[in-house]
N, C-alpha and C. Protein backbone atom coordinates (compact mmCIF):
# COMPACT_ATOMS: atom_id res chain seq x y z
N MET A 1 23.72 52.06 20.73
CA MET A 1 22.97 52.88 21.26
C MET A 1 22.33 53.72 20.24
N MET A 2 23.58 54.76 20.08
CA MET A 2 23.05 55.87 19.37
C MET A 2 22.38 55.53 18.01
N MET A 3 23.24 54.36 17.16
CA MET A 3 22.51 54.24 16.21
C MET A 3 20.65 53.93 15.82
N ALA A 4 20.65 53.13 17.22
CA ALA A 4 19.57 52.76 17.56
C ALA A 4 18.08 53.87 17.82
N MET A 5 18.62 54.81 18.21
CA MET A 5 17.56 56.03 18.60
C MET A 5 17.59 56.51 17.41
N ASN A 6 18.44 56.31 16.29
CA ASN A 6 17.94 57.17 15.05
C ASN A 6 16.90 56.93 14.71
N PHE A 7 16.37 55.18 14.34
CA PHE A 7 15.10 54.77 13.96
C PHE A 7 14.14 54.77 15.27
N SER A 8 13.03 55.24 14.16
CA SER A 8 11.70 55.45 15.76
C SER A 8 11.24 54.18 15.66
N PHE A 9 10.30 54.47 16.78
CA PHE A 9 9.76 53.01 16.88
C PHE A 9 8.68 52.71 16.19
N ASP A 10 8.13 53.39 15.30
CA ASP A 10 7.63 53.06 14.06
C ASP A 10 7.61 52.30 13.00
N THR A 11 9.02 52.87 12.31
CA THR A 11 9.69 51.91 11.72
C THR A 11 10.35 50.63 12.13
N LEU A 12 10.85 50.66 13.59
CA LEU A 12 10.84 49.62 13.96
C LEU A 12 9.73 48.60 14.02
N PHE A 13 8.32 49.08 14.33
CA PHE A 13 7.33 48.02 14.21
C PHE A 13 7.03 47.71 12.97
N PHE A 14 7.26 48.38 12.11
CA PHE A 14 6.90 47.74 10.34
C PHE A 14 7.97 47.15 10.37
N VAL A 15 8.84 47.05 10.89
CA VAL A 15 9.97 46.04 10.28
C VAL A 15 9.79 44.76 11.29
N ILE A 16 9.38 44.86 11.83
CA ILE A 16 9.09 43.32 12.80
C ILE A 16 7.59 42.87 12.32
N ALA A 17 6.56 43.41 12.47
CA ALA A 17 5.28 43.57 12.04
C ALA A 17 4.91 43.07 10.70
N VAL A 18 5.69 43.60 9.38
CA VAL A 18 5.22 43.29 8.39
C VAL A 18 6.05 41.73 7.87
N PRO A 19 6.90 41.68 8.22
CA PRO A 19 7.00 39.65 7.60
C PRO A 19 6.81 38.93 8.87
N ALA A 20 6.46 39.56 9.45
CA ALA A 20 5.19 38.45 10.78
C ALA A 20 4.10 38.13 10.31
N ALA A 21 3.59 39.32 9.36
CA ALA A 21 2.01 39.42 9.04
C ALA A 21 2.44 38.50 7.75
N ILE A 22 3.27 38.63 7.05
CA ILE A 22 3.14 37.84 6.08
C ILE A 22 3.39 36.34 6.07
N SER A 23 4.40 36.00 7.09
CA SER A 23 4.62 34.58 7.34
C SER A 23 3.53 33.70 8.28
N ALA A 24 2.93 34.94 8.79
CA ALA A 24 1.58 34.54 9.40
C ALA A 24 0.55 33.84 8.81
N GLY A 25 0.25 34.86 7.69
CA GLY A 25 -0.47 34.76 6.41
C GLY A 25 -0.06 33.78 5.55
N MET A 26 1.35 33.00 5.12
CA MET A 26 1.62 31.84 4.81
C MET A 26 0.81 30.44 5.46
N LEU A 27 1.48 30.54 6.42
CA LEU A 27 1.06 29.73 7.80
C LEU A 27 -0.41 29.46 7.39
N ILE A 28 -1.29 30.37 7.43
CA ILE A 28 -2.99 30.37 7.38
C ILE A 28 -3.21 29.28 6.50
N LEU A 29 -2.66 30.27 5.24
CA LEU A 29 -3.04 29.60 3.83
C LEU A 29 -2.55 27.59 3.52
N LEU A 30 -1.09 27.29 4.36
CA LEU A 30 -0.62 26.26 4.41
C LEU A 30 -1.18 25.09 4.80
N THR A 31 -1.95 25.75 6.55
CA THR A 31 -3.06 25.14 6.96
C THR A 31 -4.43 24.91 6.37
N LEU A 32 -4.97 25.91 5.58
CA LEU A 32 -6.03 25.67 4.98
C LEU A 32 -6.19 24.37 3.88
N VAL A 33 -4.43 24.42 3.19
CA VAL A 33 -4.91 23.46 1.88
C VAL A 33 -4.67 22.34 2.81
N VAL A 34 -3.55 22.28 3.77
CA VAL A 34 -3.60 20.93 4.28
C VAL A 34 -4.73 20.28 4.51
N ARG A 35 -5.75 21.25 5.58
CA ARG A 35 -7.22 20.57 5.66
C ARG A 35 -7.77 20.37 4.58
N ASN A 36 -7.65 21.02 3.69
CA ASN A 36 -8.68 21.17 2.60
C ASN A 36 -7.87 20.23 1.10
N PRO A 37 -7.69 18.95 1.26
CA PRO A 37 -6.94 18.64 0.24
C PRO A 37 -7.65 18.45 -1.46
N ILE A 38 -8.93 19.24 -1.49
CA ILE A 38 -9.62 19.32 -2.80
C ILE A 38 -9.05 20.88 -3.01
N THR A 39 -8.42 21.50 -2.92
CA THR A 39 -8.33 22.85 -3.12
C THR A 39 -6.22 22.53 -3.84
N VAL A 40 -5.71 21.12 -3.42
CA VAL A 40 -4.41 21.19 -3.97
C VAL A 40 -4.20 20.91 -5.23
N PRO A 41 -5.45 20.35 -6.34
CA PRO A 41 -5.23 20.13 -7.75
C PRO A 41 -5.61 21.49 -8.11
N ASP A 42 -6.43 22.25 -7.25
CA ASP A 42 -6.81 23.58 -8.44
C ASP A 42 -5.42 24.46 -8.13
N ALA A 43 -4.34 24.11 -6.94
CA ALA A 43 -3.09 25.01 -7.29
C ALA A 43 -2.57 24.50 -7.81
N LEU A 44 -2.24 23.35 -8.08
CA LEU A 44 -1.23 22.59 -9.25
C LEU A 44 -2.15 21.82 -10.16
N PRO A 45 -2.32 22.88 -11.43
CA PRO A 45 -3.16 21.55 -12.32
C PRO A 45 -1.94 20.81 -12.78
N SER A 46 -0.58 20.76 -12.71
CA SER A 46 0.03 19.43 -13.70
C SER A 46 -0.18 18.16 -12.71
N ALA A 47 -0.85 18.30 -11.28
CA ALA A 47 -0.79 17.18 -10.63
C ALA A 47 -1.90 16.55 -11.37
N GLY A 48 -2.65 17.23 -12.16
CA GLY A 48 -4.17 15.98 -11.98
C GLY A 48 -3.63 15.88 -13.67
N ILE A 49 -2.37 16.51 -14.94
CA ILE A 49 -2.39 15.61 -15.40
C ILE A 49 -1.64 14.92 -15.76
N VAL A 50 -0.69 14.59 -14.54
CA VAL A 50 -0.14 13.53 -13.96
C VAL A 50 -0.67 12.20 -13.98
N ASN A 51 -2.04 13.11 -12.98
CA ASN A 51 -2.85 11.70 -12.59
C ASN A 51 -3.63 10.87 -13.78
N LYS A 52 -4.04 11.57 -14.76
CA LYS A 52 -4.80 11.12 -15.61
C LYS A 52 -3.45 10.14 -16.78
């Protein structure tokens, strides 16, 4: 408890919120890529070369 009191709630908020925001952004990008298969070859140009 004493060590937890040394940290302010702002730092605790950023420690929890920043990784949550990054993971949420990655999930949104993942869902956008899955819903739009046309953007997949743009992200992976090697796949287009293999298909040719």
